[in-house]
Amino acid sequence: MKRLIVNADDFGYTRGVNLGIVRAFREGIVTSATIMANGEAFEDAVECARANPGLGVGCHLVLVGGKCVATAKQIGSLADSEGRMQASLTSLLWKLSVGSIRQAEIETELRAQVERVVAAGVRPTHFDSHKHTHAHPRVMEAVAKIAEEFGVLRIRKPFEDARALLWPVFRGGVGSWKQRVVALMAGANASSFRKIARRHGIRSPSHFLGVTATGRLNRQTILAMIGAMRDGTSELMCHPGKCDAELEQSATRLKRERETELEGLMDSDVCKAISEHNVRLINFGELG
């Protein structure tokens, strides 16, 4: 049996992103989204979640970009005096590697983010992380601990299937090679991730797709992924959205690309392919 979770990241980033995610759920193949507790449009995302109860909503845990949810004094090694977290993934990874970020403060910030989501009335189906920071063992340790605390034992396994790196549909363009490097670097931590997951009773889909295709996830790519799906449960990460003025002015590199993803996720041939390939669409709440 083939089961597919189509998860839209960055729920709460901007209103345009929220609008795109809701459309991709209502009119396309998106089944799940992960909400950013520190997002500028967090409250709007909460309202969207309430209006669309069939959409599974998890926590998109953030350690890179934006302001912290905990107070700056509580997490002085993770954020500056104004509460701004690390500006880049590279900066975060370097500080984690040299030990300048305290483990307790990672837990404090991530716990505060989950608490804000729960206090808003959203019951998380799962956890994942912005920029896949939980691929790092120290972050995964914190995420797994908090997952047990909140009884949310489903976490994204952020390691793309190796053969996805070789698919012809991804060839060409500097961007595709950059994403391949990101996927390969994350994969170096796969063994540690599995050990931590087993110790805490964490469950994840068997297969993960979307890292290599980030920014290039169009109709053709999605159709290729559906056609190559293996038995078991897969997660496809995506970033649909409407590119409004708020998104244009934001720091994300994904702007017009989000509209391309939205179109692909709602494409009639994509929806038809799901049926033709006997793929069952589910969300993380249905992951046994």
Protein backbone atom coordinates (compact mmCIF):
# COMPACT_ATOMS: atom_id res chain seq x y z
CA MET A 1 0.00 0.00 0.00
CA LYS A 2 1.19 3.51 -0.83
CA ARG A 3 0.27 6.31 1.54
CA LEU A 4 1.33 9.93 1.09
CA ILE A 5 1.44 12.87 3.49
CA VAL A 6 1.77 16.16 1.62
CA ASN A 7 2.96 18.66 4.22
CA ALA A 8 3.08 22.41 3.58
CA ASP A 9 5.78 24.10 5.65
CA ASP A 10 5.78 27.72 6.91
CA PHE A 11 2.11 27.96 7.92
CA GLY A 12 1.91 31.34 9.65
CA TYR A 13 4.83 32.93 7.83
CA THR A 14 2.65 35.45 5.94
CA ARG A 15 -1.05 35.71 5.10
CA GLY A 16 -0.21 34.93 1.47
CA VAL A 17 1.50 31.71 2.51
CA ASN A 18 -1.52 30.79 4.64
CA LEU A 19 -3.86 31.46 1.74
CA GLY A 20 -1.80 29.25 -0.57
CA ILE A 21 -1.70 26.40 1.93
CA VAL A 22 -5.45 26.49 2.44
CA ARG A 23 -6.08 26.50 -1.31
CA ALA A 24 -3.67 23.60 -1.82
CA PHE A 25 -5.59 21.69 0.85
CA ARG A 26 -9.07 22.52 -0.43
CA GLU A 27 -8.34 22.21 -4.15
CA GLY A 28 -5.24 20.05 -4.34
CA ILE A 29 -3.33 17.27 -2.64
CA VAL A 30 -2.00 18.96 0.51
CA THR A 31 -3.12 17.07 3.62
CA SER A 32 -0.98 18.60 6.34
CA ALA A 33 0.78 21.82 7.35
CA THR A 34 3.22 22.89 10.04
CA ILE A 35 2.64 26.15 11.86
CA MET A 36 5.36 28.62 12.91
CA ALA A 37 4.73 29.86 16.44
CA ASN A 38 6.93 32.90 15.76
CA GLY A 39 5.41 33.65 12.35
CA GLU A 40 4.11 37.12 11.56
CA ALA A 41 0.80 35.59 10.46
CA PHE A 42 0.52 33.03 13.28
CA GLU A 43 -2.92 34.18 14.45
CA ASP A 44 -4.24 34.10 10.89
CA ALA A 45 -2.91 30.56 10.49
CA VAL A 46 -4.72 29.51 13.67
CA GLU A 47 -7.97 30.88 12.25
CA CYS A 48 -7.32 29.05 8.96
CA ALA A 49 -6.74 25.81 10.88
CA ARG A 50 -10.03 26.24 12.75
CA ALA A 51 -11.86 26.83 9.49
CA ASN A 52 -10.32 23.72 7.90
CA PRO A 53 -10.49 20.95 10.53
CA GLY A 54 -9.54 18.26 8.01
CA LEU A 55 -6.10 19.80 7.59
CA GLY A 56 -3.58 18.13 9.89
CA VAL A 57 -1.51 20.80 11.66
CA GLY A 58 1.85 20.20 13.29
CA CYS A 59 4.55 22.49 14.73
CA HIS A 60 7.23 23.92 12.45
CA LEU A 61 9.90 24.43 15.12
CA VAL A 62 12.14 27.42 14.45
CA LEU A 63 15.73 28.03 15.58
CA VAL A 64 16.79 30.06 12.53
CA GLY A 65 15.25 33.40 11.54
CA GLY A 66 12.73 35.60 13.26
CA LYS A 67 12.24 36.29 16.94
CA CYS A 68 12.13 33.81 19.77
CA VAL A 69 8.93 32.92 21.62
CA ALA A 70 10.66 32.50 24.97
CA THR A 71 12.11 35.67 26.50
CA ALA A 72 15.55 36.74 25.32
CA LYS A 73 16.88 36.42 28.89
CA GLN A 74 15.84 32.77 29.00
CA ILE A 75 17.80 31.85 25.87
CA GLY A 76 20.80 34.16 25.83
CA SER A 77 23.03 31.70 23.98
CA LEU A 78 20.43 31.16 21.24
CA ALA A 79 19.16 34.71 20.60
CA ASP A 80 20.49 38.26 20.90
CA SER A 81 19.31 40.82 23.45
CA GLU A 82 16.37 41.76 21.23
CA GLY A 83 15.25 38.15 20.89
CA ARG A 84 16.46 37.61 17.34
CA MET A 85 17.56 34.05 16.65
CA GLN A 86 20.43 32.99 14.41
CA ALA A 87 20.13 34.56 10.97
CA SER A 88 21.37 31.53 9.04
CA LEU A 89 21.53 27.77 9.29
CA THR A 90 25.30 27.92 8.90
CA SER A 91 25.61 30.17 11.95
CA LEU A 92 23.41 27.90 14.05
CA LEU A 93 25.28 24.75 13.04
CA TRP A 94 28.63 26.35 13.80
CA LYS A 95 27.52 27.40 17.28
CA LEU A 96 26.05 23.98 17.94
CA SER A 97 29.30 22.36 16.85
CA VAL A 98 31.53 24.48 19.11
CA GLY A 99 29.14 24.14 22.04
CA SER A 100 28.29 27.82 22.46
CA ILE A 101 24.54 27.14 22.57
CA ARG A 102 23.24 25.62 25.79
CA GLN A 103 21.09 22.51 25.42
CA ALA A 104 18.62 23.66 28.05
CA GLU A 105 17.99 26.85 26.08
CA ILE A 106 17.19 24.92 22.91
CA GLU A 107 14.61 23.01 24.91
CA THR A 108 13.26 26.19 26.50
CA GLU A 109 12.65 27.89 23.15
CA LEU A 110 11.14 24.88 21.43
CA ARG A 111 8.91 24.17 24.42
CA ALA A 112 7.69 27.79 24.36
CA GLN A 113 6.82 27.44 20.67
CA VAL A 114 4.80 24.28 21.23
CA GLU A 115 3.07 25.82 24.23
CA ARG A 116 2.00 28.80 22.14
CA VAL A 117 0.54 26.53 19.47
CA VAL A 118 -1.34 24.42 22.03
CA ALA A 119 -2.58 27.51 23.90
CA ALA A 120 -4.07 28.75 20.63
CA GLY A 121 -6.25 25.65 20.47
CA VAL A 122 -4.22 23.71 17.90
CA ARG A 123 -3.52 20.08 18.78
CA PRO A 124 -0.29 19.26 16.91
CA THR A 125 -0.25 16.14 14.80
CA HIS A 126 3.56 16.12 14.57
CA PHE A 127 6.77 18.12 14.71
CA ASP A 128 9.23 19.17 12.02
CA SER A 129 11.67 22.07 11.88
CA HIS A 130 12.51 25.13 9.81
CA LYS A 131 15.63 24.45 7.69
CA HIS A 132 15.56 20.86 9.01
CA THR A 133 17.55 21.86 12.08
CA HIS A 134 16.39 18.74 13.90
CA ALA A 135 18.62 16.70 11.60
CA HIS A 136 21.37 17.83 14.02
CA PRO A 137 21.59 15.36 16.93
CA ARG A 138 21.50 18.05 19.63
CA VAL A 139 18.36 19.60 18.22
CA MET A 140 16.76 16.20 17.66
CA GLU A 141 17.45 15.31 21.31
CA ALA A 142 15.55 18.45 22.38
CA VAL A 143 12.70 17.87 19.92
CA ALA A 144 12.30 14.23 20.97
CA LYS A 145 12.25 15.16 24.66
CA ILE A 146 9.55 17.76 24.07
CA ALA A 147 7.64 15.33 21.85
CA GLU A 148 7.39 12.97 24.82
CA GLU A 149 6.33 15.79 27.14
CA PHE A 150 3.44 16.78 24.88
CA GLY A 151 2.57 13.28 23.68
CA VAL A 152 3.32 14.18 20.06
CA LEU A 153 5.34 11.16 18.97
CA ARG A 154 5.37 11.76 15.22
CA ILE A 155 8.35 13.66 13.82
CA ARG A 156 9.51 14.26 10.26
CA LYS A 157 12.47 12.14 9.23
CA PRO A 158 14.30 14.84 7.23
CA PHE A 159 16.48 12.59 5.10
CA GLU A 160 15.57 12.38 1.44
CA ASP A 161 15.58 9.03 -0.31
CA ALA A 162 18.98 8.64 -2.00
CA ARG A 163 17.58 7.86 -5.43
CA ALA A 164 15.69 11.16 -5.46
CA LEU A 165 19.06 12.88 -5.78
CA LEU A 166 19.59 11.20 -9.13
CA TRP A 167 16.21 11.69 -10.78
CA PRO A 168 16.62 13.30 -14.23
CA VAL A 169 13.77 15.72 -13.50
CA PHE A 170 16.03 17.48 -10.98
CA ARG A 171 19.02 17.92 -13.29
CA GLY A 172 20.12 21.31 -14.43
CA GLY A 173 20.46 24.55 -12.55
CA VAL A 174 22.62 25.67 -9.66
CA GLY A 175 19.66 25.63 -7.31
CA SER A 176 19.13 21.90 -7.75
CA TRP A 177 22.77 21.16 -6.91
CA LYS A 178 22.59 23.35 -3.82
CA GLN A 179 19.59 21.42 -2.56
CA ARG A 180 21.32 18.12 -3.27
CA VAL A 181 24.22 19.23 -1.09
CA VAL A 182 21.78 20.19 1.69
CA ALA A 183 20.12 16.77 1.45
CA LEU A 184 23.44 14.92 1.52
CA MET A 185 24.71 16.92 4.51
CA ALA A 186 21.51 16.23 6.45
CA GLY A 187 21.79 12.54 5.61
CA ALA A 188 25.06 12.30 7.51
CA ASN A 189 23.03 12.47 10.73
CA ALA A 190 20.51 9.78 9.78
CA SER A 191 21.98 7.12 12.06
CA SER A 192 21.92 9.40 15.12
CA PHE A 193 18.36 10.45 14.29
CA ARG A 194 17.18 6.84 14.20
CA LYS A 195 18.83 6.04 17.54
CA ILE A 196 17.23 9.04 19.25
CA ALA A 197 13.86 8.27 17.68
CA ARG A 198 13.95 4.66 18.91
CA ARG A 199 14.90 5.74 22.42
CA HIS A 200 11.93 8.11 22.65
CA GLY A 201 9.37 6.00 20.78
CA ILE A 202 9.17 8.41 17.83
CA ARG A 203 7.40 7.42 14.60
CA SER A 204 8.12 8.84 11.14
CA PRO A 205 7.07 8.12 7.56
CA SER A 206 9.33 5.60 5.84
CA HIS A 207 10.25 7.90 2.96
CA PHE A 208 10.83 11.65 2.66
CA LEU A 209 10.78 13.77 -0.50
CA GLY A 210 11.02 17.44 -1.33
CA VAL A 211 14.41 18.75 -0.20
CA THR A 212 16.07 18.44 -3.60
CA ALA A 213 13.01 19.91 -5.29
CA THR A 214 12.62 22.92 -2.98
CA GLY A 215 12.02 25.95 -5.17
CA ARG A 216 11.50 23.72 -8.21
CA LEU A 217 8.51 21.64 -7.14
CA ASN A 218 6.32 22.02 -10.21
CA ARG A 219 3.71 19.84 -11.90
CA GLN A 220 6.30 17.72 -13.73
CA THR A 221 8.32 17.07 -10.59
CA ILE A 222 5.29 16.09 -8.52
CA LEU A 223 4.07 13.71 -11.22
CA ALA A 224 7.53 12.09 -11.33
CA MET A 225 7.49 11.66 -7.56
CA ILE A 226 4.04 10.07 -7.56
CA GLY A 227 5.03 7.71 -10.34
CA ALA A 228 8.17 6.59 -8.47
CA MET A 229 6.58 6.18 -5.03
CA ARG A 230 7.38 3.03 -3.11
CA ASP A 231 5.14 1.03 -0.81
CA GLY A 232 4.73 2.34 2.72
CA THR A 233 4.19 5.90 3.91
CA SER A 234 5.97 8.81 2.26
CA GLU A 235 6.06 12.48 3.18
CA LEU A 236 6.33 15.15 0.49
CA MET A 237 7.42 18.51 1.86
CA CYS A 238 6.16 21.56 -0.03
CA HIS A 239 5.95 25.35 0.26
CA PRO A 240 2.81 26.65 -1.49
CA GLY A 241 1.79 30.28 -1.14
CA LYS A 242 0.59 33.46 -2.78
CA CYS A 243 3.36 35.93 -3.45
CA ASP A 244 1.90 39.15 -2.05
CA ALA A 245 3.72 42.32 -0.98
CA GLU A 246 4.36 40.93 2.50
CA LEU A 247 6.09 37.87 1.12
CA GLU A 248 8.08 39.91 -1.42
CA GLN A 249 9.52 42.00 1.42
CA SER A 250 10.35 39.03 3.64
CA ALA A 251 13.74 37.33 4.03
CA THR A 252 12.73 34.00 2.47
CA ARG A 253 14.30 32.98 -0.83
CA LEU A 254 11.06 31.26 -1.83
CA LYS A 255 8.73 33.88 -3.28
CA ARG A 256 7.28 33.32 -6.78
CA GLU A 257 8.39 29.71 -6.42
CA ARG A 258 5.60 29.24 -3.87
CA GLU A 259 3.00 30.06 -6.52
CA THR A 260 4.59 27.52 -8.86
CA GLU A 261 4.29 24.90 -6.13
CA LEU A 262 0.69 25.90 -5.48
CA GLU A 263 -0.19 25.44 -9.13
CA GLY A 264 1.51 22.05 -9.24
CA LEU A 265 -0.20 20.82 -6.08
CA MET A 266 -3.63 21.75 -7.48
CA ASP A 267 -2.97 20.50 -11.03
CA SER A 268 -5.70 18.20 -12.33
CA ASP A 269 -3.19 15.69 -13.71
CA VAL A 270 -1.48 15.53 -10.32
CA CYS A 271 -4.78 14.85 -8.59
CA LYS A 272 -5.58 12.22 -11.21
CA ALA A 273 -2.17 10.55 -10.78
CA ILE A 274 -2.84 10.05 -7.07
CA SER A 275 -5.84 7.90 -7.97
CA GLU A 276 -4.19 6.13 -10.90
CA HIS A 277 -1.22 5.04 -8.79
CA ASN A 278 -3.45 3.89 -5.90
CA VAL A 279 -1.97 6.39 -3.49
CA ARG A 280 -3.92 7.11 -0.33
CA LEU A 281 -3.56 10.68 0.93
CA ILE A 282 -3.29 10.96 4.72
CA ASN A 283 -1.98 13.37 7.36
CA PHE A 284 0.37 12.71 10.28
CA GLY A 285 -2.56 12.07 12.59
CA GLU A 286 -3.23 8.88 10.61
CA LEU A 287 0.36 7.64 10.82
CA GLY A 288 0.23 4.42 12.84
